[in-house]
Amino acid sequence: MTYFVTYGTAMACYAYWVLTKQDYILPDVRDRQFLISFHKRAKRDAWDADRYNDLKDNLQVSTEHGLERNRQFQGLASVVENQTSDI
């Protein structure tokens, strides 16, 4: 039983590599499969995938900017707390 499972898995991984020329690494496979299904659904339902990607990128940039501002504020607040506790 173990022999057949191991052999079958090895053949499946080799077939994946032959078709995609990429190693069978689970996060990469999952991302690739998501993108394939996303673009297939976008084409079927007439979504604007470029606009979606632009909105997603803008949201990521604004979120990172907000987090950076919060980190800077927390850093300033801790400096002020340290200075007031020294007095």
N, C-alpha and C. Protein backbone atom coordinates (compact mmCIF):
# COMPACT_ATOMS: atom_id res chain seq x y z
N MET A 1 0.82 -1.19 0.00
CA MET A 1 0.00 0.00 0.00
C MET A 1 0.87 1.26 0.00
N THR A 2 1.85 1.31 0.88
CA THR A 2 2.73 2.48 0.97
C THR A 2 3.48 2.69 -0.34
N TYR A 3 3.89 1.59 -0.97
CA TYR A 3 4.62 1.68 -2.23
C TYR A 3 3.77 2.40 -3.28
N PHE A 4 2.51 2.03 -3.40
CA PHE A 4 1.65 2.62 -4.43
C PHE A 4 1.36 4.10 -4.16
N VAL A 5 1.18 4.46 -2.89
CA VAL A 5 0.93 5.85 -2.55
C VAL A 5 2.17 6.69 -2.86
N THR A 6 3.34 6.19 -2.47
CA THR A 6 4.59 6.91 -2.72
C THR A 6 4.86 7.03 -4.21
N TYR A 7 4.69 5.95 -4.93
CA TYR A 7 4.93 5.96 -6.37
C TYR A 7 3.94 6.88 -7.08
N GLY A 8 2.69 6.83 -6.69
CA GLY A 8 1.67 7.69 -7.30
C GLY A 8 1.94 9.17 -7.03
N THR A 9 2.36 9.49 -5.80
CA THR A 9 2.69 10.88 -5.46
C THR A 9 3.89 11.36 -6.26
N ALA A 10 4.89 10.51 -6.39
CA ALA A 10 6.08 10.88 -7.16
C ALA A 10 5.71 11.12 -8.62
N MET A 11 4.86 10.29 -9.18
CA MET A 11 4.45 10.46 -10.58
C MET A 11 3.62 11.74 -10.74
N ALA A 12 2.77 12.03 -9.79
CA ALA A 12 1.96 13.24 -9.86
C ALA A 12 2.84 14.49 -9.78
N CYS A 13 3.82 14.48 -8.90
CA CYS A 13 4.74 15.61 -8.79
C CYS A 13 5.57 15.77 -10.06
N TYR A 14 6.01 14.67 -10.64
CA TYR A 14 6.77 14.73 -11.88
C TYR A 14 5.89 15.27 -13.02
N ALA A 15 4.66 14.81 -13.09
CA ALA A 15 3.74 15.29 -14.13
C ALA A 15 3.49 16.80 -13.96
N TYR A 16 3.35 17.24 -12.72
CA TYR A 16 3.18 18.68 -12.47
C TYR A 16 4.39 19.45 -12.96
N TRP A 17 5.58 18.94 -12.68
CA TRP A 17 6.80 19.62 -13.10
C TRP A 17 6.91 19.65 -14.63
N VAL A 18 6.55 18.56 -15.29
CA VAL A 18 6.61 18.50 -16.75
C VAL A 18 5.66 19.54 -17.36
N LEU A 19 4.48 19.69 -16.79
CA LEU A 19 3.50 20.61 -17.34
C LEU A 19 3.81 22.08 -17.03
N THR A 20 4.33 22.37 -15.83
CA THR A 20 4.50 23.76 -15.41
C THR A 20 5.94 24.22 -15.35
N LYS A 21 6.88 23.32 -15.33
CA LYS A 21 8.31 23.63 -15.17
C LYS A 21 8.57 24.34 -13.83
N GLN A 22 7.76 24.03 -12.83
CA GLN A 22 7.92 24.56 -11.48
C GLN A 22 7.94 23.40 -10.50
N ASP A 23 8.71 23.56 -9.42
CA ASP A 23 8.71 22.54 -8.39
C ASP A 23 7.35 22.47 -7.71
N TYR A 24 7.03 21.30 -7.19
CA TYR A 24 5.75 21.10 -6.51
C TYR A 24 5.92 21.54 -5.05
N ILE A 25 5.76 22.83 -4.82
CA ILE A 25 5.81 23.41 -3.48
C ILE A 25 4.40 23.90 -3.19
N LEU A 26 3.84 23.44 -2.09
CA LEU A 26 2.42 23.65 -1.82
C LEU A 26 1.96 25.11 -1.90
N PRO A 27 2.65 26.08 -1.29
CA PRO A 27 2.17 27.47 -1.42
C PRO A 27 2.17 27.95 -2.88
N ASP A 28 3.17 27.56 -3.64
CA ASP A 28 3.22 27.97 -5.05
C ASP A 28 2.10 27.32 -5.85
N VAL A 29 1.83 26.06 -5.58
CA VAL A 29 0.76 25.36 -6.28
C VAL A 29 -0.59 25.98 -5.93
N ARG A 30 -0.79 26.29 -4.66
CA ARG A 30 -2.04 26.89 -4.22
C ARG A 30 -2.24 28.27 -4.86
N ASP A 31 -1.18 29.08 -4.89
CA ASP A 31 -1.27 30.40 -5.51
C ASP A 31 -1.56 30.29 -7.00
N ARG A 32 -0.88 29.38 -7.66
CA ARG A 32 -1.08 29.19 -9.10
C ARG A 32 -2.51 28.75 -9.39
N GLN A 33 -3.01 27.81 -8.60
CA GLN A 33 -4.37 27.32 -8.79
C GLN A 33 -5.39 28.43 -8.52
N PHE A 34 -5.15 29.25 -7.51
CA PHE A 34 -6.05 30.37 -7.22
C PHE A 34 -6.09 31.34 -8.39
N LEU A 35 -4.92 31.69 -8.93
CA LEU A 35 -4.88 32.63 -10.04
C LEU A 35 -5.58 32.09 -11.28
N ILE A 36 -5.39 30.81 -11.54
CA ILE A 36 -6.06 30.20 -12.70
C ILE A 36 -7.58 30.27 -12.52
N SER A 37 -8.06 29.87 -11.35
CA SER A 37 -9.52 29.88 -11.13
C SER A 37 -10.05 31.32 -11.07
N PHE A 38 -9.28 32.25 -10.49
CA PHE A 38 -9.71 33.64 -10.43
C PHE A 38 -9.89 34.23 -11.82
N HIS A 39 -8.91 34.03 -12.68
CA HIS A 39 -9.00 34.59 -14.02
C HIS A 39 -10.08 33.89 -14.86
N LYS A 40 -10.29 32.62 -14.60
CA LYS A 40 -11.36 31.91 -15.30
C LYS A 40 -12.72 32.47 -14.91
N ARG A 41 -12.93 32.68 -13.58
CA ARG A 41 -14.18 33.27 -13.12
C ARG A 41 -14.34 34.71 -13.56
N ALA A 42 -13.23 35.45 -13.59
CA ALA A 42 -13.29 36.85 -14.02
C ALA A 42 -13.70 36.94 -15.48
N LYS A 43 -13.19 36.05 -16.28
CA LYS A 43 -13.56 36.06 -17.70
C LYS A 43 -15.01 35.64 -17.88
N ARG A 44 -15.43 34.62 -17.14
CA ARG A 44 -16.80 34.12 -17.25
C ARG A 44 -17.82 35.16 -16.81
N ASP A 45 -17.54 35.85 -15.70
CA ASP A 45 -18.50 36.80 -15.13
C ASP A 45 -18.24 38.24 -15.55
N ALA A 46 -17.31 38.46 -16.45
CA ALA A 46 -16.97 39.78 -17.00
C ALA A 46 -16.53 40.76 -15.91
N TRP A 47 -15.63 40.29 -15.04
CA TRP A 47 -15.05 41.16 -14.04
C TRP A 47 -13.90 41.93 -14.67
N ASP A 48 -13.57 43.06 -14.10
CA ASP A 48 -12.41 43.82 -14.53
C ASP A 48 -11.26 43.47 -13.59
N ALA A 49 -10.46 42.48 -13.96
CA ALA A 49 -9.39 41.99 -13.10
C ALA A 49 -8.32 43.05 -12.89
N ASP A 50 -8.05 43.88 -13.88
CA ASP A 50 -7.04 44.93 -13.73
C ASP A 50 -7.49 45.95 -12.69
N ARG A 51 -8.75 46.33 -12.73
CA ARG A 51 -9.28 47.28 -11.74
C ARG A 51 -9.23 46.67 -10.34
N TYR A 52 -9.58 45.39 -10.23
CA TYR A 52 -9.52 44.68 -8.95
C TYR A 52 -8.09 44.72 -8.40
N ASN A 53 -7.12 44.43 -9.24
CA ASN A 53 -5.72 44.43 -8.80
C ASN A 53 -5.27 45.82 -8.38
N ASP A 54 -5.70 46.86 -9.12
CA ASP A 54 -5.36 48.23 -8.75
C ASP A 54 -5.96 48.59 -7.38
N LEU A 55 -7.22 48.25 -7.17
CA LEU A 55 -7.87 48.53 -5.89
C LEU A 55 -7.18 47.79 -4.75
N LYS A 56 -6.83 46.53 -4.99
CA LYS A 56 -6.16 45.73 -3.97
C LYS A 56 -4.79 46.32 -3.63
N ASP A 57 -4.04 46.75 -4.65
CA ASP A 57 -2.73 47.35 -4.41
C ASP A 57 -2.84 48.66 -3.66
N ASN A 58 -3.83 49.50 -4.04
CA ASN A 58 -4.03 50.77 -3.34
C ASN A 58 -4.41 50.54 -1.88
N LEU A 59 -5.24 49.55 -1.62
CA LEU A 59 -5.62 49.24 -0.25
C LEU A 59 -4.42 48.77 0.56
N GLN A 60 -3.57 47.96 -0.05
CA GLN A 60 -2.38 47.48 0.63
C GLN A 60 -1.43 48.63 0.96
N VAL A 61 -1.23 49.55 0.01
CA VAL A 61 -0.34 50.68 0.24
C VAL A 61 -0.88 51.58 1.35
N SER A 62 -2.19 51.88 1.30
CA SER A 62 -2.75 52.76 2.32
C SER A 62 -2.74 52.10 3.69
N THR A 63 -2.94 50.80 3.75
CA THR A 63 -2.89 50.07 5.02
C THR A 63 -1.48 50.09 5.59
N GLU A 64 -0.48 49.85 4.74
CA GLU A 64 0.90 49.87 5.20
C GLU A 64 1.29 51.27 5.67
N HIS A 65 0.82 52.28 4.97
CA HIS A 65 1.10 53.67 5.37
C HIS A 65 0.48 53.97 6.74
N GLY A 66 -0.76 53.54 6.94
CA GLY A 66 -1.42 53.74 8.23
C GLY A 66 -0.72 53.01 9.36
N LEU A 67 -0.27 51.79 9.10
CA LEU A 67 0.46 51.03 10.12
C LEU A 67 1.78 51.71 10.46
N GLU A 68 2.46 52.23 9.46
CA GLU A 68 3.72 52.91 9.71
C GLU A 68 3.50 54.17 10.55
N ARG A 69 2.44 54.92 10.24
CA ARG A 69 2.11 56.11 11.06
C ARG A 69 1.84 55.70 12.50
N ASN A 70 1.09 54.62 12.69
CA ASN A 70 0.80 54.16 14.06
C ASN A 70 2.07 53.74 14.78
N ARG A 71 2.97 53.06 14.08
CA ARG A 71 4.23 52.65 14.71
C ARG A 71 5.05 53.88 15.12
N GLN A 72 5.08 54.88 14.25
CA GLN A 72 5.81 56.10 14.58
C GLN A 72 5.17 56.80 15.78
N PHE A 73 3.86 56.86 15.80
CA PHE A 73 3.16 57.50 16.92
C PHE A 73 3.44 56.75 18.21
N GLN A 74 3.40 55.42 18.16
CA GLN A 74 3.67 54.63 19.37
C GLN A 74 5.10 54.84 19.83
N GLY A 75 6.02 54.98 18.88
CA GLY A 75 7.40 55.24 19.25
C GLY A 75 7.56 56.59 19.92
N LEU A 76 6.88 57.60 19.39
CA LEU A 76 6.92 58.93 20.01
C LEU A 76 6.26 58.92 21.37
N ALA A 77 5.15 58.20 21.50
CA ALA A 77 4.44 58.13 22.78
C ALA A 77 5.31 57.46 23.84
N SER A 78 6.04 56.43 23.47
CA SER A 78 6.90 55.76 24.44
C SER A 78 8.07 56.65 24.85
N VAL A 79 8.57 57.45 23.91
CA VAL A 79 9.65 58.39 24.24
C VAL A 79 9.14 59.43 25.23
N VAL A 80 7.93 59.95 24.99
CA VAL A 80 7.35 60.95 25.89
C VAL A 80 7.11 60.34 27.26
N GLU A 81 6.63 59.11 27.32
CA GLU A 81 6.41 58.45 28.60
C GLU A 81 7.70 58.28 29.36
N ASN A 82 8.75 57.89 28.66
CA ASN A 82 10.05 57.72 29.31
C ASN A 82 10.57 59.05 29.84
N GLN A 83 10.38 60.13 29.09
CA GLN A 83 10.87 61.44 29.53
C GLN A 83 10.07 61.94 30.73
N THR A 84 8.75 61.71 30.74
CA THR A 84 7.95 62.18 31.87
C THR A 84 8.19 61.34 33.11
N SER A 85 8.52 60.07 32.95
CA SER A 85 8.78 59.23 34.12
C SER A 85 10.14 59.56 34.73
N ASP A 86 11.06 60.13 33.95
CA ASP A 86 12.37 60.50 34.46
C ASP A 86 12.29 61.79 35.27
N ILE A 87 11.26 62.57 35.09
CA ILE A 87 11.15 63.88 35.78
C ILE A 87 10.70 63.69 37.18
